[in-house]
């Protein structure tokens, strides 16, 4: 099926993207976004960013390339580049967190996933203030509305111990219709946890959380 989908792709399918890149060069957007991120948290090493057009790439992700993490952006998913700066800032957080080699214990995997996504939501709000809150979550507004109305349910699902690590990881990525749980909704718990931690520990600083993995892992959901 994947082969058939790839073979069905034709050059004219990318005409809109070609026009978009001509009018709003993504290289320029990414460079400016990096400058804004750099003003908030300076990385131990400068990141490399790869902009490419594939077939079914995510809008943004971090991967290991030649022994180090790099930022990647699959441009074919974009209809416009309005959120590209926010997505860059989001992935910049994951880049910073990947620079540390501290392994996460298996028992802490879901906590780390939720906290790291919370950090990647709080950080863009500092770099690009004034946007709608849903933009920082990379959610539609109705998804954020659900999270705000169901905070107690989210906390029960992720913090009660009723579900295994594997189940919770699956819930995060795919949601669960039986629980009326949308995908990635636990980002809201992470966002709240990071904000709460920063308010209670003003000396910690967001930059320390991003550069010291063990400190970030200590955040209580």
Protein backbone atom coordinates (compact mmCIF):
# COMPACT_ATOMS: atom_id res chain seq x y z
CA UNK A 1 0.00 0.00 0.00
CA UNK A 2 2.83 2.39 0.80
CA UNK A 3 4.44 1.67 -2.56
CA UNK A 4 1.19 2.48 -4.34
CA UNK A 5 0.81 5.74 -2.43
CA UNK A 6 4.38 6.80 -3.29
CA UNK A 7 4.00 5.90 -6.95
CA UNK A 8 0.79 7.92 -7.10
CA UNK A 9 2.61 11.13 -6.09
CA UNK A 10 3.25 13.42 -9.05
CA UNK A 11 5.26 16.64 -9.41
CA UNK A 12 2.12 18.80 -9.77
CA UNK A 13 1.04 17.63 -6.29
CA UNK A 14 3.83 19.83 -4.92
CA UNK A 15 3.05 22.93 -6.98
CA UNK A 16 1.40 24.63 -3.99
CA UNK A 17 4.40 23.91 -1.77
CA UNK A 18 6.78 25.21 -4.43
CA UNK A 19 4.83 28.46 -4.60
CA UNK A 20 4.70 28.70 -0.79
CA UNK A 21 8.48 28.24 -0.47
CA UNK A 22 9.02 30.89 -3.12
CA UNK A 23 6.83 33.43 -1.32
CA UNK A 24 7.92 32.54 2.23
CA UNK A 25 11.34 30.86 2.18
CA UNK A 26 11.37 28.38 5.09
CA UNK A 27 15.13 28.76 5.49
CA UNK A 28 14.65 32.38 6.49
CA UNK A 29 11.82 31.48 8.90
CA UNK A 30 13.92 28.79 10.59
CA UNK A 31 16.96 31.05 10.94
CA UNK A 32 14.86 33.76 12.56
CA UNK A 33 13.16 31.23 14.85
CA UNK A 34 16.56 29.94 15.94
CA UNK A 35 17.68 33.47 16.83
CA UNK A 36 14.58 33.88 18.99
CA UNK A 37 15.19 30.54 20.71
CA UNK A 38 18.85 31.34 21.22
CA UNK A 39 17.92 34.51 23.07
CA UNK A 40 16.08 32.40 25.66
CA UNK A 41 18.31 29.30 25.95
CA UNK A 42 21.74 28.91 24.38
CA UNK A 43 22.58 25.31 23.43
CA UNK A 44 25.87 23.59 24.33
CA UNK A 45 26.35 23.04 20.60
CA UNK A 46 24.76 24.70 17.60
CA UNK A 47 22.01 22.59 16.04
CA UNK A 48 21.82 21.60 12.41
CA UNK A 49 18.42 21.91 10.75
CA UNK A 50 17.36 19.96 7.68
CA UNK A 51 14.46 21.11 5.52
CA UNK A 52 13.32 18.50 3.04
CA UNK A 53 10.41 17.34 0.97
CA UNK A 54 9.54 13.68 1.28
CA UNK A 55 6.27 11.85 1.04
CA UNK A 56 4.88 11.26 4.54
CA UNK A 57 7.25 13.07 6.88
CA UNK A 58 6.19 14.67 10.18
CA UNK A 59 6.12 18.47 10.24
CA UNK A 60 9.04 18.44 12.65
CA UNK A 61 11.12 15.90 14.54
CA UNK A 62 14.58 15.28 15.99
CA UNK A 63 16.68 12.35 14.84
CA UNK A 64 20.24 11.13 15.31
CA UNK A 65 22.42 11.75 12.26
CA UNK A 66 26.13 10.97 12.19
CA UNK A 67 26.18 10.51 15.93
CA UNK A 68 24.37 13.67 16.97
CA UNK A 69 20.78 14.95 17.15
CA UNK A 70 19.58 17.17 14.31
CA UNK A 71 16.36 19.10 13.68
CA UNK A 72 14.27 17.94 10.73
CA UNK A 73 11.24 19.48 9.03
CA UNK A 74 9.18 17.69 6.39
CA UNK A 75 7.82 20.55 4.32
CA UNK A 76 5.26 18.53 2.37
CA UNK A 77 2.91 18.57 5.36
CA UNK A 78 2.63 22.37 5.44
CA UNK A 79 -0.22 24.31 3.84
CA UNK A 80 1.34 27.52 5.17
CA UNK A 81 4.28 28.35 7.43
CA UNK A 82 2.36 30.25 10.12
CA UNK A 83 3.26 27.69 12.79
CA UNK A 84 6.73 26.79 11.50
CA UNK A 85 8.43 29.06 14.09
CA UNK A 86 6.45 27.42 16.91
CA UNK A 87 7.23 23.95 15.58
CA UNK A 88 10.91 24.91 15.39
CA UNK A 89 10.86 26.06 19.02
CA UNK A 90 9.05 22.84 20.01
CA UNK A 91 11.67 20.67 18.31
CA UNK A 92 14.48 22.85 19.65
CA UNK A 93 13.43 21.72 23.12
CA UNK A 94 13.62 18.07 22.09
CA UNK A 95 17.03 18.76 20.55
CA UNK A 96 18.30 20.23 23.83
CA UNK A 97 16.93 17.32 25.81
CA UNK A 98 18.55 14.81 23.43
CA UNK A 99 21.99 16.37 23.99
CA UNK A 100 22.14 14.82 27.45
CA UNK A 101 22.99 11.13 27.48
CA UNK A 102 21.15 10.30 30.68
CA UNK A 103 19.03 7.23 30.10
CA UNK A 104 15.45 7.34 31.32
CA UNK A 105 14.50 4.32 33.47
CA UNK A 106 11.73 2.25 31.93
CA UNK A 107 9.52 3.00 34.94
CA UNK A 108 9.86 6.72 34.19
CA UNK A 109 9.22 6.63 30.43
CA UNK A 110 5.69 7.99 30.51
CA UNK A 111 6.63 10.68 33.04
CA UNK A 112 9.51 11.75 30.82
CA UNK A 113 7.30 11.81 27.73
CA UNK A 114 4.69 13.97 29.44
CA UNK A 115 7.25 16.33 31.02
CA UNK A 116 9.30 16.73 27.84
CA UNK A 117 6.16 17.54 25.85
CA UNK A 118 5.21 20.01 28.58
CA UNK A 119 8.59 21.71 28.25
CA UNK A 120 8.19 21.77 24.47
CA UNK A 121 4.85 23.55 24.94
CA UNK A 122 5.92 26.09 27.58
CA UNK A 123 9.10 27.12 25.74
CA UNK A 124 7.47 28.35 22.48
CA UNK A 125 5.10 30.46 24.56
CA UNK A 126 8.13 32.29 25.98
CA UNK A 127 9.85 32.63 22.62
CA UNK A 128 6.76 33.69 20.66
CA UNK A 129 4.36 35.28 23.19
CA UNK A 130 0.90 36.45 22.28
CA UNK A 131 -0.26 33.55 20.09
CA UNK A 132 -3.45 31.58 20.80
CA UNK A 133 -2.75 28.99 23.51
CA UNK A 134 -3.75 26.12 21.21
CA UNK A 135 -0.89 27.07 18.86
CA UNK A 136 1.71 26.26 21.50
CA UNK A 137 0.16 22.82 21.97
CA UNK A 138 -0.02 22.38 18.18
CA UNK A 139 -3.67 21.45 18.82
CA UNK A 140 -6.94 22.51 17.30
CA UNK A 141 -8.86 24.70 19.72
CA UNK A 142 -11.47 21.98 20.33
CA UNK A 143 -8.74 19.56 21.46
CA UNK A 144 -7.42 22.11 23.94
CA UNK A 145 -10.97 22.80 25.13
CA UNK A 146 -11.35 19.07 25.83
CA UNK A 147 -8.10 19.02 27.83
CA UNK A 148 -9.09 22.04 29.89
CA UNK A 149 -12.49 20.53 30.66
CA UNK A 150 -11.08 17.07 31.47
CA UNK A 151 -7.98 17.79 33.50
CA UNK A 152 -9.15 15.58 36.36
CA UNK A 153 -9.81 12.68 33.97
CA UNK A 154 -6.37 13.06 32.44
CA UNK A 155 -4.74 13.05 35.85
CA UNK A 156 -6.69 9.93 36.87
CA UNK A 157 -5.68 8.10 33.70
CA UNK A 158 -1.98 8.99 33.84
CA UNK A 159 -1.34 9.19 37.58
CA UNK A 160 -3.62 6.62 39.24
CA UNK A 161 -1.50 3.57 38.45
CA UNK A 162 -4.47 1.81 36.83
CA UNK A 163 -2.67 1.47 33.50
CA UNK A 164 0.72 0.09 32.50
CA UNK A 165 3.54 2.12 30.96
CA UNK A 166 2.86 0.45 27.61
CA UNK A 167 -0.85 1.30 27.77
CA UNK A 168 -0.15 4.92 28.67
CA UNK A 169 2.36 5.30 25.85
CA UNK A 170 -0.25 3.94 23.47
CA UNK A 171 -2.88 6.30 24.93
CA UNK A 172 -0.52 9.23 24.37
CA UNK A 173 0.14 8.44 20.73
CA UNK A 174 -3.24 7.10 19.63
CA UNK A 175 -5.75 8.08 22.32
CA UNK A 176 -8.42 5.64 23.45
CA UNK A 177 -12.06 5.80 22.30
CA UNK A 178 -13.27 3.70 25.23
CA UNK A 179 -11.89 6.30 27.63
CA UNK A 180 -12.99 9.19 25.41
CA UNK A 181 -9.31 10.13 25.34
CA UNK A 182 -7.89 11.99 22.30
CA UNK A 183 -4.28 11.49 21.18
CA UNK A 184 -1.51 13.52 22.82
CA UNK A 185 -3.88 15.02 25.37
CA UNK A 186 -1.35 14.37 28.16
CA UNK A 187 0.70 17.28 26.80
CA UNK A 188 -1.74 19.38 28.83
CA UNK A 189 -0.65 17.62 32.05
CA UNK A 190 2.97 18.24 31.13
CA UNK A 191 2.30 21.91 30.42
CA UNK A 192 0.63 22.34 33.80
CA UNK A 193 3.39 20.41 35.58
CA UNK A 194 6.17 22.55 34.09
CA UNK A 195 4.35 25.78 34.83
CA UNK A 196 3.70 24.65 38.41
CA UNK A 197 7.34 23.63 38.89
CA UNK A 198 8.63 26.96 37.60
CA UNK A 199 6.23 28.88 39.86
CA UNK A 200 7.26 26.85 42.93
CA UNK A 201 10.99 26.86 42.11
CA UNK A 202 11.79 30.28 40.65
CA UNK A 203 15.51 29.61 41.01
CA UNK A 204 15.35 26.53 38.78
CA UNK A 205 14.91 28.42 35.53
CA UNK A 206 13.64 26.97 32.28
CA UNK A 207 17.16 26.83 30.86
CA UNK A 208 18.26 24.46 33.66
CA UNK A 209 15.29 22.19 33.01
CA UNK A 210 16.19 22.03 29.33
CA UNK A 211 19.89 21.40 29.87
CA UNK A 212 19.75 19.15 32.96
CA UNK A 213 17.71 16.07 32.16
CA UNK A 214 17.70 14.70 35.70
CA UNK A 215 16.26 17.95 37.00
CA UNK A 216 13.51 17.87 34.38
CA UNK A 217 12.80 14.24 35.22
CA UNK A 218 12.18 15.23 38.85
CA UNK A 219 9.13 17.30 37.89
CA UNK A 220 5.98 15.88 39.42
CA UNK A 221 3.03 15.38 37.07
